[in-house]
C-alpha cells in the first residue's frame, strides 16, 4: 500500500507522505478521514481519534511546519508553524511542501480531510 496522501483544508490541497512505521500503517487504515481539528497555541491543529494507534514516541526538538504527528496514542496533530518543542510525538507523516499551510489552517478550528493519493502515470 502506498504512503502518499492528500490533505485538504478548505479549498487548498497538500501532498503528504506517511512515515514508514506501525502508527502510520494503522492510520492509513482509517483513511479517508474527515476531522474537525481544533486550534492550539497558534501553531497546531489537533483531533482525537476514537481508537488508539501504536506509538513510537521521541522528542523532535524542532517541530517543522507540515509535520503530521501523533500525541499520546490517539491525538492527531498537524503543525502549521515551525518552533522548538520538548514534547514527545510519534511521526505519522509530513506535508511535502507546506507553503500556504498556515494560511489554510487559519486561526480557528478547521475541517481537514485526509485521503490516499492515487497516481495515474
N, C-alpha and C. Protein backbone atom coordinates (compact mmCIF):
# COMPACT_ATOMS: atom_id res chain seq x y z
N UNK A 1 0.85 -1.18 0.00
CA UNK A 1 0.00 0.00 0.00
C UNK A 1 0.89 1.24 0.00
N UNK A 2 0.49 2.25 -0.76
CA UNK A 2 1.27 3.47 -0.88
C UNK A 2 1.28 4.29 0.39
N UNK A 3 2.18 5.24 0.42
CA UNK A 3 2.30 6.10 1.60
C UNK A 3 1.98 7.54 1.26
N UNK A 4 1.48 7.79 0.04
CA UNK A 4 1.17 9.14 -0.38
C UNK A 4 -0.28 9.47 -0.07
N UNK A 5 -0.49 10.62 0.58
CA UNK A 5 -1.84 11.05 0.91
C UNK A 5 -2.03 12.50 0.48
N UNK A 6 -3.30 12.89 0.41
CA UNK A 6 -3.67 14.28 0.16
C UNK A 6 -4.35 14.80 1.42
N UNK A 7 -3.96 15.98 1.84
CA UNK A 7 -4.57 16.65 2.98
C UNK A 7 -5.29 17.88 2.44
N UNK A 8 -6.62 17.92 2.63
CA UNK A 8 -7.42 19.04 2.14
C UNK A 8 -7.89 19.89 3.31
N UNK A 9 -7.63 21.18 3.20
CA UNK A 9 -8.09 22.15 4.19
C UNK A 9 -8.79 23.25 3.40
N UNK A 10 -10.10 23.35 3.53
CA UNK A 10 -10.85 24.31 2.74
C UNK A 10 -10.67 24.00 1.27
N UNK A 11 -10.30 25.01 0.48
CA UNK A 11 -10.11 24.79 -0.95
C UNK A 11 -8.65 24.54 -1.32
N UNK A 12 -7.80 24.30 -0.31
CA UNK A 12 -6.39 24.03 -0.57
C UNK A 12 -6.07 22.55 -0.33
N UNK A 13 -5.22 22.00 -1.18
CA UNK A 13 -4.79 20.61 -1.06
C UNK A 13 -3.28 20.55 -0.92
N UNK A 14 -2.82 19.64 -0.08
CA UNK A 14 -1.39 19.45 0.16
C UNK A 14 -1.06 17.98 -0.01
N UNK A 15 0.03 17.69 -0.72
CA UNK A 15 0.53 16.33 -0.84
C UNK A 15 1.36 16.03 0.39
N UNK A 16 1.21 14.82 0.91
CA UNK A 16 1.97 14.41 2.09
C UNK A 16 2.43 12.98 1.93
N UNK A 17 3.46 12.64 2.67
CA UNK A 17 4.00 11.28 2.67
C UNK A 17 3.93 10.75 4.09
N UNK A 18 3.32 9.58 4.24
CA UNK A 18 3.23 8.96 5.56
C UNK A 18 4.56 8.32 5.93
N UNK A 19 4.82 8.25 7.22
CA UNK A 19 6.03 7.62 7.74
C UNK A 19 5.96 6.11 7.52
N UNK A 20 7.09 5.46 7.59
CA UNK A 20 7.17 4.01 7.46
C UNK A 20 7.26 3.42 8.86
N UNK A 21 6.12 3.41 9.57
CA UNK A 21 6.09 2.85 10.92
C UNK A 21 4.69 2.28 11.20
N UNK A 22 4.56 1.57 12.31
CA UNK A 22 3.29 0.92 12.64
C UNK A 22 2.16 1.92 12.84
N UNK A 23 2.47 3.06 13.43
CA UNK A 23 1.43 4.07 13.67
C UNK A 23 0.86 4.58 12.34
N UNK A 24 1.73 4.88 11.39
CA UNK A 24 1.27 5.39 10.10
C UNK A 24 0.50 4.32 9.34
N UNK A 25 0.93 3.06 9.44
CA UNK A 25 0.20 1.97 8.77
C UNK A 25 -1.20 1.83 9.37
N UNK A 26 -1.31 1.92 10.69
CA UNK A 26 -2.62 1.84 11.34
C UNK A 26 -3.47 3.05 10.97
N UNK A 27 -2.84 4.21 10.87
CA UNK A 27 -3.55 5.43 10.49
C UNK A 27 -4.10 5.32 9.07
N UNK A 28 -3.32 4.72 8.17
CA UNK A 28 -3.75 4.52 6.78
C UNK A 28 -5.06 3.76 6.71
N UNK A 29 -5.25 2.80 7.62
CA UNK A 29 -6.48 2.00 7.63
C UNK A 29 -7.71 2.85 7.95
N UNK A 30 -7.52 4.03 8.52
CA UNK A 30 -8.64 4.92 8.86
C UNK A 30 -9.04 5.83 7.71
N UNK A 31 -8.22 5.89 6.68
CA UNK A 31 -8.47 6.81 5.56
C UNK A 31 -9.47 6.25 4.57
N UNK A 32 -10.29 7.08 3.95
CA UNK A 32 -10.35 8.53 4.08
C UNK A 32 -10.93 8.93 5.44
N UNK A 33 -10.49 10.08 5.92
CA UNK A 33 -10.89 10.55 7.24
C UNK A 33 -11.10 12.07 7.20
N UNK A 34 -12.26 12.50 7.66
CA UNK A 34 -12.53 13.93 7.80
C UNK A 34 -12.54 14.26 9.28
N UNK A 35 -11.74 15.25 9.67
CA UNK A 35 -11.59 15.61 11.07
C UNK A 35 -11.93 17.08 11.27
N UNK A 36 -12.65 17.39 12.33
CA UNK A 36 -12.86 18.77 12.74
C UNK A 36 -11.74 19.07 13.73
N UNK A 37 -10.67 19.69 13.24
CA UNK A 37 -9.48 19.89 14.06
C UNK A 37 -9.58 21.20 14.83
N UNK A 38 -9.17 21.15 16.09
CA UNK A 38 -9.21 22.31 16.98
C UNK A 38 -7.87 23.03 16.98
N UNK A 39 -7.92 24.33 17.17
CA UNK A 39 -6.73 25.18 17.22
C UNK A 39 -6.06 25.08 18.58
N UNK A 40 -4.72 25.11 18.59
CA UNK A 40 -3.97 25.14 19.84
C UNK A 40 -2.68 25.93 19.65
N UNK A 41 -2.44 26.89 20.52
CA UNK A 41 -1.16 27.61 20.63
C UNK A 41 -0.74 28.42 19.40
N UNK A 42 -1.61 28.62 18.44
CA UNK A 42 -1.23 29.40 17.27
C UNK A 42 -0.21 28.72 16.38
N UNK A 43 -0.06 27.37 16.53
CA UNK A 43 0.91 26.67 15.70
C UNK A 43 0.48 25.26 15.30
N UNK A 44 -0.67 24.81 15.79
CA UNK A 44 -1.09 23.43 15.51
C UNK A 44 -2.60 23.28 15.53
N UNK A 45 -3.05 22.22 14.85
CA UNK A 45 -4.44 21.78 14.90
C UNK A 45 -4.41 20.35 15.42
N UNK A 46 -5.41 19.99 16.23
CA UNK A 46 -5.42 18.63 16.78
C UNK A 46 -6.82 18.03 16.72
N UNK A 47 -6.84 16.69 16.74
CA UNK A 47 -8.10 15.93 16.69
C UNK A 47 -7.88 14.60 17.41
N UNK A 48 -8.83 14.24 18.29
CA UNK A 48 -8.74 12.96 18.99
C UNK A 48 -9.48 11.87 18.22
N UNK A 49 -8.76 10.80 17.88
CA UNK A 49 -9.35 9.64 17.23
C UNK A 49 -10.17 8.85 18.24
N UNK A 50 -11.11 8.05 17.75
CA UNK A 50 -11.90 7.19 18.64
C UNK A 50 -11.06 6.04 19.19
N UNK A 51 -10.08 5.59 18.41
CA UNK A 51 -9.25 4.45 18.80
C UNK A 51 -7.79 4.86 18.94
N UNK A 52 -7.05 4.06 19.67
CA UNK A 52 -5.61 4.30 19.85
C UNK A 52 -4.82 3.70 18.70
N UNK A 53 -3.69 4.30 18.41
CA UNK A 53 -2.76 3.79 17.40
C UNK A 53 -1.47 3.38 18.10
N UNK A 54 -0.67 2.52 17.46
CA UNK A 54 0.63 2.17 18.04
C UNK A 54 1.50 3.43 18.17
N UNK A 55 2.39 3.44 19.13
CA UNK A 55 3.25 4.61 19.32
C UNK A 55 4.73 4.24 19.28
N UNK A 56 5.52 5.16 18.78
CA UNK A 56 6.98 5.10 18.79
C UNK A 56 7.44 6.52 19.07
N UNK A 57 7.23 6.97 20.29
CA UNK A 57 7.46 8.39 20.60
C UNK A 57 8.94 8.74 20.70
N UNK A 58 9.22 9.96 20.33
CA UNK A 58 10.54 10.53 20.52
C UNK A 58 10.42 12.05 20.55
N UNK A 59 11.41 12.69 21.12
CA UNK A 59 11.42 14.16 21.21
C UNK A 59 12.09 14.70 19.96
N UNK A 60 11.36 15.52 19.22
CA UNK A 60 11.89 16.06 17.97
C UNK A 60 12.83 17.23 18.19
N UNK A 61 12.58 18.01 19.23
CA UNK A 61 13.36 19.23 19.44
C UNK A 61 12.75 20.38 18.65
N UNK A 62 12.81 20.28 17.33
CA UNK A 62 12.19 21.29 16.47
C UNK A 62 11.07 20.67 15.66
N UNK A 63 9.89 21.23 15.80
CA UNK A 63 8.73 20.83 15.01
C UNK A 63 8.78 21.65 13.72
N UNK A 64 8.54 21.02 12.60
CA UNK A 64 8.52 21.71 11.32
C UNK A 64 7.09 21.92 10.85
N UNK A 65 6.82 23.06 10.23
CA UNK A 65 5.51 23.27 9.60
C UNK A 65 5.29 22.13 8.62
N UNK A 66 4.12 21.50 8.69
CA UNK A 66 3.81 20.38 7.82
C UNK A 66 3.96 19.02 8.49
N UNK A 67 4.51 18.98 9.70
CA UNK A 67 4.62 17.71 10.42
C UNK A 67 3.24 17.21 10.81
N UNK A 68 2.97 15.95 10.55
CA UNK A 68 1.74 15.28 10.97
C UNK A 68 2.15 14.26 12.03
N UNK A 69 1.73 14.50 13.27
CA UNK A 69 2.22 13.70 14.38
C UNK A 69 1.08 13.12 15.20
N UNK A 70 1.44 12.16 16.04
CA UNK A 70 0.51 11.57 17.00
C UNK A 70 1.02 11.92 18.39
N UNK A 71 0.16 12.56 19.17
CA UNK A 71 0.48 12.89 20.56
C UNK A 71 -0.26 11.89 21.43
N UNK A 72 0.47 11.21 22.32
CA UNK A 72 -0.15 10.11 23.04
C UNK A 72 -0.44 9.01 22.03
N UNK A 73 -1.56 8.33 22.19
CA UNK A 73 -1.88 7.25 21.26
C UNK A 73 -3.10 7.54 20.39
N UNK A 74 -3.73 8.72 20.59
CA UNK A 74 -4.96 8.96 19.82
C UNK A 74 -5.16 10.40 19.36
N UNK A 75 -4.20 11.27 19.59
CA UNK A 75 -4.37 12.67 19.22
C UNK A 75 -3.53 12.99 17.98
N UNK A 76 -4.22 13.20 16.85
CA UNK A 76 -3.55 13.57 15.60
C UNK A 76 -3.28 15.07 15.64
N UNK A 77 -2.04 15.45 15.34
CA UNK A 77 -1.65 16.86 15.38
C UNK A 77 -1.03 17.24 14.04
N UNK A 78 -1.54 18.33 13.46
CA UNK A 78 -0.97 18.88 12.24
C UNK A 78 -0.38 20.25 12.59
N UNK A 79 0.93 20.36 12.43
CA UNK A 79 1.62 21.60 12.78
C UNK A 79 1.71 22.49 11.54
N UNK A 80 1.38 23.77 11.72
CA UNK A 80 1.46 24.70 10.59
C UNK A 80 2.49 25.81 10.82
N UNK A 81 3.25 25.72 11.90
CA UNK A 81 4.35 26.65 12.17
C UNK A 81 5.56 25.83 12.62
N UNK A 82 6.76 26.35 12.40
CA UNK A 82 7.99 25.73 12.87
C UNK A 82 8.37 26.35 14.21
N UNK A 83 8.70 25.50 15.20
CA UNK A 83 9.05 26.00 16.53
C UNK A 83 9.75 24.90 17.32
N UNK A 84 10.35 25.26 18.44
CA UNK A 84 11.01 24.29 19.32
C UNK A 84 9.99 23.69 20.28
N UNK A 85 10.15 22.39 20.57
CA UNK A 85 9.22 21.71 21.47
C UNK A 85 9.96 20.66 22.28
N UNK A 86 9.56 20.52 23.53
CA UNK A 86 10.11 19.49 24.39
C UNK A 86 9.20 18.28 24.51
N UNK A 87 8.10 18.28 23.78
CA UNK A 87 7.14 17.17 23.86
C UNK A 87 7.57 16.00 22.99
N UNK A 88 7.07 14.81 23.34
CA UNK A 88 7.33 13.60 22.57
C UNK A 88 6.14 13.30 21.66
N UNK A 89 6.45 12.88 20.44
CA UNK A 89 5.43 12.55 19.44
C UNK A 89 5.83 11.29 18.69
N UNK A 90 4.85 10.67 18.05
CA UNK A 90 5.08 9.61 17.07
C UNK A 90 4.82 10.22 15.71
N UNK A 91 5.77 10.08 14.80
CA UNK A 91 5.59 10.65 13.47
C UNK A 91 4.58 9.83 12.66
N UNK A 92 3.58 10.53 12.10
CA UNK A 92 2.65 9.90 11.17
C UNK A 92 3.04 10.21 9.74
N UNK A 93 3.57 11.40 9.51
CA UNK A 93 3.96 11.78 8.16
C UNK A 93 4.34 13.24 8.10
N UNK A 94 4.41 13.74 6.87
CA UNK A 94 4.84 15.13 6.67
C UNK A 94 4.29 15.65 5.35
N UNK A 95 3.80 16.88 5.36
CA UNK A 95 3.39 17.54 4.12
C UNK A 95 4.65 17.83 3.32
N UNK A 96 4.64 17.44 2.05
CA UNK A 96 5.83 17.56 1.21
C UNK A 96 6.25 19.02 1.01
N UNK A 97 5.30 19.90 0.77
CA UNK A 97 5.59 21.33 0.60
C UNK A 97 4.54 22.11 1.38
N UNK A 98 4.87 22.55 2.60
CA UNK A 98 3.87 23.19 3.46
C UNK A 98 3.59 24.67 3.14
N UNK A 99 4.10 25.18 2.01
CA UNK A 99 3.84 26.58 1.68
C UNK A 99 2.33 26.82 1.59
N UNK A 100 1.85 27.82 2.30
CA UNK A 100 0.42 28.15 2.32
C UNK A 100 -0.36 27.43 3.40
N UNK A 101 0.30 26.51 4.12
CA UNK A 101 -0.39 25.74 5.15
C UNK A 101 -0.90 26.63 6.28
N UNK A 102 -0.08 27.59 6.71
CA UNK A 102 -0.52 28.47 7.80
C UNK A 102 -1.74 29.28 7.39
N UNK A 103 -1.80 29.71 6.14
CA UNK A 103 -2.95 30.45 5.63
C UNK A 103 -4.19 29.55 5.60
N UNK A 104 -4.03 28.32 5.11
CA UNK A 104 -5.16 27.39 5.03
C UNK A 104 -5.66 27.03 6.42
N UNK A 105 -4.75 26.86 7.37
CA UNK A 105 -5.12 26.46 8.73
C UNK A 105 -5.90 27.56 9.44
N UNK A 106 -5.54 28.81 9.17
CA UNK A 106 -6.25 29.92 9.79
C UNK A 106 -6.04 29.97 11.29
N UNK A 107 -6.88 30.74 11.97
CA UNK A 107 -6.69 30.96 13.40
C UNK A 107 -7.70 30.23 14.28
N UNK A 108 -8.64 29.51 13.68
CA UNK A 108 -9.65 28.82 14.47
C UNK A 108 -9.70 27.34 14.13
N UNK A 109 -10.78 26.70 14.55
CA UNK A 109 -10.98 25.29 14.23
C UNK A 109 -11.21 25.15 12.72
N UNK A 110 -10.85 23.99 12.18
CA UNK A 110 -10.92 23.82 10.73
C UNK A 110 -11.21 22.36 10.39
N UNK A 111 -11.94 22.15 9.29
CA UNK A 111 -12.18 20.79 8.81
C UNK A 111 -11.02 20.37 7.91
N UNK A 112 -10.48 19.19 8.20
CA UNK A 112 -9.35 18.66 7.44
C UNK A 112 -9.72 17.26 6.96
N UNK A 113 -9.51 17.01 5.66
CA UNK A 113 -9.79 15.69 5.09
C UNK A 113 -8.48 15.08 4.61
N UNK A 114 -8.26 13.84 5.00
CA UNK A 114 -7.08 13.10 4.57
C UNK A 114 -7.54 11.89 3.77
N UNK A 115 -6.90 11.66 2.64
CA UNK A 115 -7.24 10.51 1.81
C UNK A 115 -6.01 10.03 1.07
N UNK A 116 -6.04 8.77 0.68
CA UNK A 116 -4.92 8.22 -0.08
C UNK A 116 -4.85 8.93 -1.43
N UNK A 117 -3.65 9.19 -1.90
CA UNK A 117 -3.45 9.85 -3.18
C UNK A 117 -3.24 8.78 -4.23
N UNK A 118 -3.98 8.89 -5.30
CA UNK A 118 -3.82 7.95 -6.40
C UNK A 118 -2.97 8.61 -7.47
N UNK A 119 -2.07 7.83 -8.03
CA UNK A 119 -1.22 8.35 -9.09
C UNK A 119 -1.63 7.71 -10.40
N UNK A 120 -1.75 8.51 -11.42
CA UNK A 120 -2.12 7.99 -12.74
C UNK A 120 -1.04 8.37 -13.73
N UNK A 121 -0.07 7.46 -13.88
CA UNK A 121 1.04 7.72 -14.79
C UNK A 121 1.22 6.55 -15.71
